[in-house]
Amino acid sequence: MATVHAEITDRLASFVLAQPVFFVGTAPLAADGHVNVSPKGMAGTFVVLDPHRVAYLDYTGSSAEVPAHLRENGRVVLMFCAFSGPPNIVRLHGTGRYVEAGTPEFDALRGYFAKAETAGQRGVVVVDVTRVSDSCGFSVPHLELVEDRDLLDRWADRKTPDQLDAYRITKNSTSIDGLPAIGEPGEPASTSPRSSATSR
């Protein structure tokens, strides 16, 4: 049975920040739309902004399902599993929004993340967390972390800004169901107050 918590406690924050990988689940509103689950890694790309808000850096990739689904309906869940140590699974359900690189809000949020490399970054996903739960994770296997992969950083480093823009226009403009996803870099703009945060 899952235990539901009123907020992201210090213990839960320490747990999620220590995990080298987490999973993001989103879906379109259409009954025949494709549900999406994305693995996320790379140290320094996830932060707990406060007991009810988290964020992660989003980098250029071959698809843009999460930005598209968040723009359409905002529903999102983040899942963290313990692959070493005591078994545990933490799920953070909430409402997410996508903040594109090149906007004032992105610039304000970027300072919370420990990851230094910036090539290829395309936005930040901010989640207002409405349900916090953890459960046993007894069936999750014990795995040993070797190291973070640096392939995405090296791929982005080989591209010029214009090449990355062209790639995003070609690959990230819409979801696989045709929903709008990533726009022109710097196109949308919004503002948000800053808060204290912890990062991994």
N, C-alpha and C. Protein backbone atom coordinates (compact mmCIF):
# COMPACT_ATOMS: atom_id res chain seq x y z
N MET A 1 0.83 -1.19 0.00
CA MET A 1 0.00 0.00 0.00
C MET A 1 0.88 1.25 0.00
N ALA A 2 0.48 2.23 -0.80
CA ALA A 2 1.23 3.48 -0.84
C ALA A 2 0.88 4.34 0.36
N THR A 3 1.87 5.09 0.83
CA THR A 3 1.64 6.09 1.88
C THR A 3 1.58 7.45 1.22
N VAL A 4 0.50 8.18 1.47
CA VAL A 4 0.34 9.51 0.89
C VAL A 4 0.81 10.54 1.91
N HIS A 5 1.63 11.47 1.45
CA HIS A 5 2.21 12.49 2.31
C HIS A 5 1.62 13.86 1.98
N ALA A 6 1.58 14.73 2.95
CA ALA A 6 1.02 16.07 2.74
C ALA A 6 1.91 16.94 1.87
N GLU A 7 3.19 16.61 1.82
CA GLU A 7 4.15 17.41 1.06
C GLU A 7 5.41 16.60 0.82
N ILE A 8 6.32 17.19 0.07
CA ILE A 8 7.64 16.57 -0.13
C ILE A 8 8.46 16.88 1.11
N THR A 9 8.59 15.90 1.98
CA THR A 9 9.33 16.09 3.23
C THR A 9 10.83 16.13 2.95
N ASP A 10 11.60 16.51 3.94
CA ASP A 10 13.06 16.50 3.78
C ASP A 10 13.56 15.10 3.45
N ARG A 11 12.98 14.08 4.08
CA ARG A 11 13.40 12.70 3.81
C ARG A 11 13.11 12.32 2.36
N LEU A 12 11.92 12.66 1.88
CA LEU A 12 11.57 12.32 0.50
C LEU A 12 12.41 13.13 -0.49
N ALA A 13 12.66 14.40 -0.16
CA ALA A 13 13.49 15.23 -1.03
C ALA A 13 14.90 14.64 -1.15
N SER A 14 15.45 14.20 -0.02
CA SER A 14 16.79 13.58 -0.05
C SER A 14 16.79 12.33 -0.91
N PHE A 15 15.71 11.55 -0.82
CA PHE A 15 15.63 10.32 -1.60
C PHE A 15 15.58 10.62 -3.10
N VAL A 16 14.67 11.49 -3.53
CA VAL A 16 14.53 11.74 -4.97
C VAL A 16 15.79 12.40 -5.54
N LEU A 17 16.41 13.27 -4.77
CA LEU A 17 17.62 13.94 -5.25
C LEU A 17 18.79 12.98 -5.39
N ALA A 18 18.75 11.88 -4.66
CA ALA A 18 19.85 10.91 -4.71
C ALA A 18 19.72 9.93 -5.87
N GLN A 19 18.56 9.86 -6.51
CA GLN A 19 18.37 8.87 -7.56
C GLN A 19 19.00 9.34 -8.89
N PRO A 20 19.76 8.48 -9.55
CA PRO A 20 20.42 8.89 -10.79
C PRO A 20 19.51 8.90 -12.01
N VAL A 21 18.31 8.33 -11.88
CA VAL A 21 17.36 8.32 -12.99
C VAL A 21 15.96 8.39 -12.43
N PHE A 22 15.05 9.04 -13.17
CA PHE A 22 13.63 9.03 -12.81
C PHE A 22 12.82 8.96 -14.09
N PHE A 23 11.52 8.76 -13.95
CA PHE A 23 10.65 8.54 -15.10
C PHE A 23 9.50 9.55 -15.08
N VAL A 24 9.15 10.06 -16.27
CA VAL A 24 8.10 11.06 -16.41
C VAL A 24 6.99 10.45 -17.24
N GLY A 25 5.75 10.50 -16.72
CA GLY A 25 4.60 9.99 -17.44
C GLY A 25 3.61 11.10 -17.76
N THR A 26 3.19 11.16 -19.04
CA THR A 26 2.19 12.13 -19.49
C THR A 26 1.30 11.47 -20.53
N ALA A 27 0.19 12.13 -20.87
CA ALA A 27 -0.71 11.59 -21.89
C ALA A 27 -1.55 12.71 -22.46
N PRO A 28 -1.96 12.59 -23.73
CA PRO A 28 -2.88 13.56 -24.30
C PRO A 28 -4.30 13.30 -23.80
N LEU A 29 -5.21 14.22 -24.08
CA LEU A 29 -6.59 14.03 -23.67
C LEU A 29 -7.32 13.01 -24.54
N ALA A 30 -6.94 12.90 -25.80
CA ALA A 30 -7.62 12.02 -26.73
C ALA A 30 -7.55 10.57 -26.26
N ALA A 31 -8.69 9.86 -26.33
CA ALA A 31 -8.74 8.47 -25.88
C ALA A 31 -7.82 7.57 -26.69
N ASP A 32 -7.58 7.93 -27.94
CA ASP A 32 -6.71 7.11 -28.78
C ASP A 32 -5.30 7.69 -28.89
N GLY A 33 -4.99 8.68 -28.05
CA GLY A 33 -3.66 9.27 -28.05
C GLY A 33 -2.65 8.36 -27.38
N HIS A 34 -1.39 8.63 -27.62
CA HIS A 34 -0.33 7.79 -27.09
C HIS A 34 0.14 8.25 -25.71
N VAL A 35 0.07 7.35 -24.74
CA VAL A 35 0.64 7.61 -23.42
C VAL A 35 2.15 7.59 -23.55
N ASN A 36 2.83 8.47 -22.83
CA ASN A 36 4.29 8.56 -22.94
C ASN A 36 4.95 8.38 -21.58
N VAL A 37 6.05 7.62 -21.56
CA VAL A 37 6.91 7.49 -20.39
C VAL A 37 8.33 7.76 -20.84
N SER A 38 8.99 8.72 -20.18
CA SER A 38 10.36 9.10 -20.57
C SER A 38 11.30 8.92 -19.40
N PRO A 39 12.46 8.29 -19.61
CA PRO A 39 13.49 8.24 -18.57
C PRO A 39 14.30 9.53 -18.59
N LYS A 40 14.66 10.01 -17.42
CA LYS A 40 15.47 11.22 -17.30
C LYS A 40 16.65 10.95 -16.38
N GLY A 41 17.81 11.42 -16.79
CA GLY A 41 19.01 11.25 -15.99
C GLY A 41 19.87 12.49 -16.02
N MET A 42 21.15 12.34 -15.84
CA MET A 42 22.17 13.38 -15.82
C MET A 42 22.13 14.14 -14.50
N ALA A 43 23.22 14.04 -13.76
CA ALA A 43 23.33 14.71 -12.47
C ALA A 43 23.16 16.22 -12.62
N GLY A 44 22.49 16.82 -11.66
CA GLY A 44 22.33 18.27 -11.63
C GLY A 44 21.19 18.80 -12.46
N THR A 45 20.27 17.92 -12.91
CA THR A 45 19.19 18.37 -13.78
C THR A 45 17.82 18.34 -13.11
N PHE A 46 17.76 17.97 -11.82
CA PHE A 46 16.49 17.93 -11.09
C PHE A 46 16.62 18.71 -9.80
N VAL A 47 15.59 19.50 -9.45
CA VAL A 47 15.60 20.26 -8.20
C VAL A 47 14.25 20.17 -7.51
N VAL A 48 14.29 20.23 -6.19
CA VAL A 48 13.08 20.41 -5.38
C VAL A 48 13.03 21.89 -5.03
N LEU A 49 12.06 22.60 -5.60
CA LEU A 49 11.97 24.05 -5.40
C LEU A 49 11.37 24.40 -4.04
N ASP A 50 10.38 23.62 -3.62
CA ASP A 50 9.77 23.79 -2.30
C ASP A 50 8.96 22.52 -2.02
N PRO A 51 8.28 22.39 -0.89
CA PRO A 51 7.59 21.14 -0.56
C PRO A 51 6.47 20.74 -1.51
N HIS A 52 6.09 21.64 -2.42
CA HIS A 52 5.02 21.32 -3.36
C HIS A 52 5.39 21.63 -4.81
N ARG A 53 6.69 21.80 -5.08
CA ARG A 53 7.08 22.17 -6.44
C ARG A 53 8.46 21.63 -6.76
N VAL A 54 8.58 21.01 -7.93
CA VAL A 54 9.86 20.48 -8.41
C VAL A 54 10.06 20.93 -9.86
N ALA A 55 11.27 20.74 -10.36
CA ALA A 55 11.55 21.10 -11.75
C ALA A 55 12.70 20.26 -12.27
N TYR A 56 12.74 20.08 -13.58
CA TYR A 56 13.89 19.41 -14.19
C TYR A 56 14.24 20.06 -15.52
N LEU A 57 15.53 20.03 -15.84
CA LEU A 57 16.02 20.55 -17.11
C LEU A 57 15.68 19.58 -18.23
N ASP A 58 15.21 20.13 -19.34
CA ASP A 58 14.85 19.31 -20.50
C ASP A 58 15.82 19.62 -21.63
N TYR A 59 16.38 18.56 -22.22
CA TYR A 59 17.37 18.72 -23.27
C TYR A 59 16.82 18.25 -24.61
N THR A 60 17.37 18.79 -25.69
CA THR A 60 16.94 18.44 -27.04
C THR A 60 17.05 16.94 -27.26
N GLY A 61 15.98 16.36 -27.76
CA GLY A 61 15.95 14.93 -28.04
C GLY A 61 15.14 14.66 -29.28
N SER A 62 14.88 13.38 -29.53
CA SER A 62 14.23 12.98 -30.77
C SER A 62 12.72 13.17 -30.74
N SER A 63 12.16 13.51 -29.59
CA SER A 63 10.71 13.72 -29.51
C SER A 63 10.42 14.83 -28.51
N ALA A 64 9.15 15.20 -28.41
CA ALA A 64 8.75 16.28 -27.50
C ALA A 64 7.36 15.99 -26.94
N GLU A 65 7.16 14.75 -26.48
CA GLU A 65 5.85 14.35 -25.98
C GLU A 65 5.49 15.10 -24.70
N VAL A 66 6.42 15.21 -23.76
CA VAL A 66 6.11 15.86 -22.49
C VAL A 66 5.72 17.33 -22.70
N PRO A 67 6.51 18.13 -23.43
CA PRO A 67 6.09 19.52 -23.65
C PRO A 67 4.71 19.62 -24.30
N ALA A 68 4.44 18.75 -25.27
CA ALA A 68 3.14 18.80 -25.96
C ALA A 68 2.00 18.47 -25.02
N HIS A 69 2.15 17.41 -24.22
CA HIS A 69 1.08 17.02 -23.31
C HIS A 69 0.87 18.07 -22.22
N LEU A 70 1.96 18.64 -21.72
CA LEU A 70 1.81 19.67 -20.70
C LEU A 70 1.12 20.90 -21.25
N ARG A 71 1.40 21.25 -22.48
CA ARG A 71 0.74 22.41 -23.08
C ARG A 71 -0.75 22.14 -23.28
N GLU A 72 -1.10 20.88 -23.55
CA GLU A 72 -2.51 20.57 -23.78
C GLU A 72 -3.29 20.44 -22.48
N ASN A 73 -2.74 19.71 -21.48
CA ASN A 73 -3.56 19.41 -20.30
C ASN A 73 -2.81 19.49 -18.96
N GLY A 74 -1.49 19.51 -18.96
CA GLY A 74 -0.72 19.70 -17.73
C GLY A 74 -0.55 18.48 -16.84
N ARG A 75 -1.24 17.38 -17.11
CA ARG A 75 -1.14 16.22 -16.22
C ARG A 75 0.23 15.56 -16.33
N VAL A 76 0.81 15.22 -15.15
CA VAL A 76 2.14 14.62 -15.17
C VAL A 76 2.37 13.86 -13.87
N VAL A 77 3.18 12.81 -13.96
CA VAL A 77 3.65 12.11 -12.78
C VAL A 77 5.13 11.83 -12.95
N LEU A 78 5.90 12.02 -11.88
CA LEU A 78 7.32 11.68 -11.85
C LEU A 78 7.48 10.50 -10.91
N MET A 79 8.26 9.49 -11.32
CA MET A 79 8.48 8.31 -10.48
C MET A 79 9.97 8.08 -10.27
N PHE A 80 10.35 7.88 -9.01
CA PHE A 80 11.72 7.63 -8.61
C PHE A 80 11.78 6.27 -7.94
N CYS A 81 12.72 5.41 -8.37
CA CYS A 81 12.88 4.07 -7.80
C CYS A 81 14.25 3.93 -7.16
N ALA A 82 14.30 3.20 -6.06
CA ALA A 82 15.58 2.87 -5.44
C ALA A 82 16.12 1.62 -6.12
N PHE A 83 17.23 1.76 -6.85
CA PHE A 83 17.88 0.61 -7.47
C PHE A 83 19.02 0.09 -6.59
N SER A 84 19.29 0.80 -5.49
CA SER A 84 20.26 0.34 -4.50
C SER A 84 19.75 0.77 -3.13
N GLY A 85 20.26 0.14 -2.08
CA GLY A 85 19.79 0.46 -0.74
C GLY A 85 18.40 -0.09 -0.48
N PRO A 86 17.73 0.42 0.56
CA PRO A 86 16.39 -0.07 0.88
C PRO A 86 15.42 0.18 -0.27
N PRO A 87 14.49 -0.77 -0.53
CA PRO A 87 13.55 -0.59 -1.64
C PRO A 87 12.57 0.54 -1.36
N ASN A 88 12.31 1.35 -2.36
CA ASN A 88 11.36 2.45 -2.20
C ASN A 88 11.01 2.99 -3.58
N ILE A 89 9.78 3.43 -3.74
CA ILE A 89 9.31 4.12 -4.94
C ILE A 89 8.59 5.38 -4.49
N VAL A 90 8.93 6.51 -5.08
CA VAL A 90 8.25 7.77 -4.80
C VAL A 90 7.60 8.28 -6.08
N ARG A 91 6.34 8.64 -5.98
CA ARG A 91 5.61 9.22 -7.11
C ARG A 91 5.16 10.63 -6.75
N LEU A 92 5.38 11.55 -7.67
CA LEU A 92 4.95 12.93 -7.52
C LEU A 92 3.97 13.24 -8.64
N HIS A 93 2.67 13.27 -8.31
CA HIS A 93 1.64 13.63 -9.28
C HIS A 93 1.39 15.14 -9.20
N GLY A 94 1.04 15.73 -10.33
CA GLY A 94 0.74 17.15 -10.29
C GLY A 94 0.42 17.73 -11.64
N THR A 95 0.53 19.04 -11.70
CA THR A 95 0.27 19.80 -12.92
C THR A 95 1.59 20.44 -13.35
N GLY A 96 1.98 20.14 -14.58
CA GLY A 96 3.25 20.65 -15.08
C GLY A 96 3.06 21.70 -16.15
N ARG A 97 4.09 22.47 -16.34
CA ARG A 97 4.13 23.42 -17.45
C ARG A 97 5.54 23.47 -17.99
N TYR A 98 5.64 23.87 -19.24
CA TYR A 98 6.92 23.87 -19.93
C TYR A 98 7.40 25.29 -20.12
N VAL A 99 8.63 25.56 -19.67
CA VAL A 99 9.24 26.89 -19.79
C VAL A 99 10.38 26.78 -20.79
N GLU A 100 10.23 27.39 -21.95
CA GLU A 100 11.23 27.23 -23.00
C GLU A 100 12.49 28.05 -22.73
N ALA A 101 13.62 27.51 -23.20
CA ALA A 101 14.88 28.23 -23.13
C ALA A 101 14.77 29.55 -23.88
N GLY A 102 15.46 30.56 -23.39
CA GLY A 102 15.43 31.87 -24.03
C GLY A 102 14.41 32.82 -23.45
N THR A 103 13.62 32.36 -22.48
CA THR A 103 12.64 33.23 -21.83
C THR A 103 13.20 33.72 -20.50
N PRO A 104 12.68 34.85 -19.99
CA PRO A 104 13.13 35.34 -18.68
C PRO A 104 12.92 34.32 -17.57
N GLU A 105 11.81 33.59 -17.59
CA GLU A 105 11.58 32.62 -16.53
C GLU A 105 12.58 31.48 -16.60
N PHE A 106 12.90 31.03 -17.82
CA PHE A 106 13.92 29.99 -17.93
C PHE A 106 15.23 30.46 -17.33
N ASP A 107 15.64 31.68 -17.66
CA ASP A 107 16.89 32.22 -17.14
C ASP A 107 16.88 32.27 -15.61
N ALA A 108 15.73 32.62 -15.02
CA ALA A 108 15.63 32.67 -13.57
C ALA A 108 15.71 31.28 -12.96
N LEU A 109 15.09 30.29 -13.59
CA LEU A 109 15.09 28.93 -13.07
C LEU A 109 16.43 28.23 -13.28
N ARG A 110 17.14 28.57 -14.33
CA ARG A 110 18.37 27.84 -14.69
C ARG A 110 19.40 27.87 -13.56
N GLY A 111 19.41 28.93 -12.79
CA GLY A 111 20.38 29.05 -11.71
C GLY A 111 20.21 28.04 -10.59
N TYR A 112 19.07 27.40 -10.52
CA TYR A 112 18.84 26.40 -9.48
C TYR A 112 19.50 25.06 -9.79
N PHE A 113 19.90 24.84 -11.03
CA PHE A 113 20.41 23.53 -11.44
C PHE A 113 21.93 23.50 -11.38
N ALA A 114 22.46 22.38 -10.87
CA ALA A 114 23.91 22.25 -10.71
C ALA A 114 24.62 21.90 -12.01
N LYS A 115 23.92 21.36 -12.99
CA LYS A 115 24.57 20.95 -14.24
C LYS A 115 25.12 22.18 -14.96
N ALA A 116 26.41 22.14 -15.28
CA ALA A 116 27.06 23.30 -15.89
C ALA A 116 26.84 23.36 -17.39
N GLU A 117 26.85 22.20 -18.07
CA GLU A 117 26.74 22.19 -19.52
C GLU A 117 25.38 22.73 -19.96
N THR A 118 25.39 23.60 -20.95
CA THR A 118 24.15 24.22 -21.42
C THR A 118 23.80 23.86 -22.86
N ALA A 119 24.75 23.30 -23.61
CA ALA A 119 24.47 22.98 -25.02
C ALA A 119 23.31 21.99 -25.11
N GLY A 120 22.34 22.31 -25.95
CA GLY A 120 21.23 21.41 -26.18
C GLY A 120 20.05 21.58 -25.26
N GLN A 121 20.17 22.39 -24.23
CA GLN A 121 19.02 22.56 -23.34
C GLN A 121 17.91 23.29 -24.09
N ARG A 122 16.68 22.82 -23.91
CA ARG A 122 15.57 23.44 -24.63
C ARG A 122 14.47 23.96 -23.71
N GLY A 123 14.53 23.64 -22.41
CA GLY A 123 13.50 24.14 -21.50
C GLY A 123 13.62 23.57 -20.11
N VAL A 124 12.69 23.98 -19.27
CA VAL A 124 12.54 23.46 -17.92
C VAL A 124 11.09 23.02 -17.74
N VAL A 125 10.90 21.85 -17.16
CA VAL A 125 9.57 21.39 -16.77
C VAL A 125 9.40 21.71 -15.29
N VAL A 126 8.37 22.49 -14.97
CA VAL A 126 8.04 22.86 -13.60
C VAL A 126 6.75 22.13 -13.22
N VAL A 127 6.76 21.44 -12.09
CA VAL A 127 5.59 20.66 -11.66
C VAL A 127 5.10 21.18 -10.32
N ASP A 128 3.85 21.60 -10.28
CA ASP A 128 3.17 21.88 -9.03
C ASP A 128 2.61 20.56 -8.53
N VAL A 129 3.18 20.05 -7.45
CA VAL A 129 2.88 18.70 -6.98
C VAL A 129 1.63 18.70 -6.11
N THR A 130 0.64 17.89 -6.51
CA THR A 130 -0.63 17.82 -5.78
C THR A 130 -0.80 16.52 -5.01
N ARG A 131 0.02 15.51 -5.32
CA ARG A 131 -0.04 14.25 -4.58
C ARG A 131 1.37 13.69 -4.45
N VAL A 132 1.75 13.38 -3.22
CA VAL A 132 3.07 12.82 -2.92
C VAL A 132 2.87 11.46 -2.26
N SER A 133 3.46 10.42 -2.82
CA SER A 133 3.29 9.09 -2.23
C SER A 133 4.57 8.29 -2.37
N ASP A 134 4.74 7.33 -1.45
CA ASP A 134 5.81 6.36 -1.62
C ASP A 134 5.28 4.97 -1.31
N SER A 135 5.94 3.97 -1.86
CA SER A 135 5.52 2.58 -1.70
C SER A 135 6.76 1.70 -1.67
N CYS A 136 6.55 0.38 -1.51
CA CYS A 136 7.64 -0.52 -1.15
C CYS A 136 8.71 -0.71 -2.21
N GLY A 137 8.34 -0.93 -3.45
CA GLY A 137 9.35 -1.20 -4.47
C GLY A 137 10.04 -2.53 -4.31
N PHE A 138 9.37 -3.53 -3.72
CA PHE A 138 10.00 -4.81 -3.46
C PHE A 138 10.43 -5.54 -4.74
N SER A 139 9.77 -5.27 -5.87
CA SER A 139 10.10 -5.99 -7.11
C SER A 139 11.10 -5.26 -7.99
N VAL A 140 11.54 -4.07 -7.56
CA VAL A 140 12.52 -3.31 -8.35
C VAL A 140 13.89 -3.95 -8.16
N PRO A 141 14.60 -4.27 -9.24
CA PRO A 141 15.88 -4.98 -9.10
C PRO A 141 16.98 -4.11 -8.48
N HIS A 142 17.95 -4.77 -7.89
CA HIS A 142 19.16 -4.12 -7.39
C HIS A 142 20.08 -3.90 -8.59
N LEU A 143 20.44 -2.66 -8.87
CA LEU A 143 21.33 -2.35 -9.98
C LEU A 143 22.47 -1.47 -9.49
N GLU A 144 23.61 -1.57 -10.15
CA GLU A 144 24.77 -0.77 -9.77
C GLU A 144 25.00 0.31 -10.82
N LEU A 145 25.07 1.56 -10.38
CA LEU A 145 25.36 2.67 -11.28
C LEU A 145 26.82 2.67 -11.66
N VAL A 146 27.11 2.73 -12.95
CA VAL A 146 28.49 2.85 -13.42
C VAL A 146 28.86 4.33 -13.54
N GLU A 147 28.11 5.07 -14.32
CA GLU A 147 28.34 6.50 -14.48
C GLU A 147 27.25 7.10 -15.34
N ASP A 148 27.11 8.43 -15.31
CA ASP A 148 26.22 9.12 -16.23
C ASP A 148 26.77 8.99 -17.64
N ARG A 149 25.89 8.88 -18.61
CA ARG A 149 26.32 8.95 -20.01
C ARG A 149 26.52 10.41 -20.39
N ASP A 150 27.55 10.68 -21.19
CA ASP A 150 27.77 12.05 -21.66
C ASP A 150 27.48 12.20 -23.15
N LEU A 151 26.82 11.20 -23.73
CA LEU A 151 26.57 11.22 -25.17
C LEU A 151 25.71 12.40 -25.61
N LEU A 152 24.68 12.74 -24.82
CA LEU A 152 23.81 13.85 -25.19
C LEU A 152 24.58 15.16 -25.17
N ASP A 153 25.41 15.36 -24.15
CA ASP A 153 26.22 16.57 -24.08
C ASP A 153 27.17 16.66 -25.27
N ARG A 154 27.82 15.54 -25.60
CA ARG A 154 28.78 15.56 -26.71
C ARG A 154 28.07 15.77 -28.04
N TRP A 155 26.88 15.17 -28.21
CA TRP A 155 26.10 15.38 -29.44
C TRP A 155 25.73 16.85 -29.59
N ALA A 156 25.23 17.48 -28.52
CA ALA A 156 24.82 18.88 -28.59
C ALA A 156 26.02 19.80 -28.80
N ASP A 157 27.15 19.46 -28.19
CA ASP A 157 28.36 20.28 -28.34
C ASP A 157 28.84 20.35 -29.79
N ARG A 158 28.53 19.31 -30.56
CA ARG A 158 28.97 19.29 -31.97
C ARG A 158 28.04 20.10 -32.89
N LYS A 159 26.92 20.56 -32.36
CA LYS A 159 25.95 21.32 -33.15
C LYS A 159 26.11 22.81 -32.91
N THR A 160 25.88 23.60 -33.95
CA THR A 160 25.79 25.05 -33.79
C THR A 160 24.40 25.39 -33.26
N PRO A 161 24.21 26.58 -32.70
CA PRO A 161 22.86 26.97 -32.28
C PRO A 161 21.84 26.89 -33.41
N ASP A 162 22.23 27.28 -34.63
CA ASP A 162 21.31 27.19 -35.76
C ASP A 162 20.96 25.75 -36.09
N GLN A 163 21.93 24.85 -35.98
CA GLN A 163 21.66 23.44 -36.24
C GLN A 163 20.71 22.86 -35.20
N LEU A 164 20.88 23.25 -33.93
CA LEU A 164 19.97 22.78 -32.89
C LEU A 164 18.57 23.33 -33.09
N ASP A 165 18.47 24.61 -33.50
CA ASP A 165 17.16 25.19 -33.80
C ASP A 165 16.48 24.42 -34.93
N ALA A 166 17.24 24.13 -35.97
CA ALA A 166 16.68 23.41 -37.12
C ALA A 166 16.23 22.01 -36.72
N TYR A 167 17.02 21.35 -35.86
CA TYR A 167 16.66 20.01 -35.39
C TYR A 167 15.35 20.06 -34.60
N ARG A 168 15.22 21.05 -33.71
CA ARG A 168 14.00 21.15 -32.92
C ARG A 168 12.79 21.45 -33.78
N ILE A 169 12.96 22.30 -34.81
CA ILE A 169 11.85 22.58 -35.71
C ILE A 169 11.41 21.32 -36.44
N THR A 170 12.40 20.50 -36.85
CA THR A 170 12.09 19.28 -37.59
C THR A 170 11.54 18.18 -36.70
N LYS A 171 12.14 17.98 -35.53
CA LYS A 171 11.83 16.82 -34.69
C LYS A 171 10.92 17.12 -33.49
N ASN A 172 10.89 18.39 -33.03
CA ASN A 172 10.24 18.68 -31.75
C ASN A 172 9.05 19.62 -31.84
N SER A 173 8.62 19.98 -33.03
CA SER A 173 7.53 20.95 -33.17
C SER A 173 6.19 20.39 -32.72
N THR A 174 5.99 19.09 -32.92
CA THR A 174 4.73 18.46 -32.54
C THR A 174 4.99 17.11 -31.88
N SER A 175 3.98 16.62 -31.16
CA SER A 175 4.04 15.28 -30.58
C SER A 175 3.73 14.26 -31.67
N ILE A 176 3.83 12.97 -31.33
CA ILE A 176 3.52 11.94 -32.32
C ILE A 176 2.04 11.93 -32.67
N ASP A 177 1.21 12.57 -31.83
CA ASP A 177 -0.22 12.71 -32.13
C ASP A 177 -0.55 14.04 -32.79
N GLY A 178 0.48 14.85 -33.09
CA GLY A 178 0.27 16.11 -33.78
C GLY A 178 -0.01 17.31 -32.89
N LEU A 179 0.18 17.16 -31.58
CA LEU A 179 -0.04 18.29 -30.68
C LEU A 179 1.15 19.24 -30.72
N PRO A 180 0.92 20.56 -30.63
CA PRO A 180 2.04 21.51 -30.60
C PRO A 180 2.96 21.23 -29.43
N ALA A 181 4.26 21.29 -29.66
CA ALA A 181 5.23 20.98 -28.60
C ALA A 181 6.20 22.14 -28.42
N ILE A 182 7.39 22.05 -29.02
CA ILE A 182 8.42 23.08 -28.87
C ILE A 182 8.26 24.12 -29.96
N GLY A 183 8.15 25.40 -29.56
CA GLY A 183 8.03 26.47 -30.55
C GLY A 183 9.39 27.04 -30.89
N GLU A 184 9.38 28.18 -31.56
CA GLU A 184 10.64 28.85 -31.87
C GLU A 184 11.33 29.20 -30.56
N PRO A 185 12.65 28.98 -30.46
CA PRO A 185 13.37 29.30 -29.22
C PRO A 185 13.10 30.73 -28.77
N GLY A 186 12.71 30.89 -27.51
CA GLY A 186 12.45 32.21 -26.95
C GLY A 186 11.10 32.79 -27.26
N GLU A 187 10.24 32.04 -27.97
CA GLU A 187 8.95 32.59 -28.38
C GLU A 187 8.01 32.85 -27.22
N PRO A 188 7.63 31.81 -26.40
CA PRO A 188 6.74 32.08 -25.28
C PRO A 188 7.50 32.71 -24.12
N ALA A 189 6.85 33.55 -23.36
CA ALA A 189 7.49 34.17 -22.20
C ALA A 189 6.48 34.27 -21.07
N SER A 190 6.92 33.98 -19.86
CA SER A 190 6.09 34.12 -18.68
C SER A 190 7.00 34.42 -17.51
N THR A 191 6.42 34.82 -16.40
CA THR A 191 7.22 35.15 -15.23
C THR A 191 6.76 34.32 -14.05
N SER A 192 7.67 34.05 -13.13
CA SER A 192 7.36 33.27 -11.94
C SER A 192 8.28 33.70 -10.82
N PRO A 193 7.76 33.81 -9.58
CA PRO A 193 8.62 34.20 -8.47
C PRO A 193 9.64 33.12 -8.16
N ARG A 194 10.83 33.51 -7.75
CA ARG A 194 11.87 32.57 -7.38
C ARG A 194 11.63 32.07 -5.96
N SER A 195 12.14 30.90 -5.68
CA SER A 195 12.02 30.33 -4.34
C SER A 195 13.29 29.59 -4.01
N SER A 196 13.42 29.20 -2.72
CA SER A 196 14.58 28.40 -2.34
C SER A 196 14.45 27.02 -2.94
N ALA A 197 15.57 26.36 -3.21
CA ALA A 197 15.51 25.06 -3.85
C ALA A 197 16.73 24.23 -3.49
N THR A 198 16.56 22.93 -3.61
CA THR A 198 17.68 22.00 -3.48
C THR A 198 17.80 21.23 -4.77
N SER A 199 19.02 20.89 -5.16
CA SER A 199 19.24 20.24 -6.44
C SER A 199 20.13 19.03 -6.28
N ARG A 200 20.10 18.19 -7.30
CA ARG A 200 21.01 17.04 -7.30
C ARG A 200 22.00 17.19 -8.41
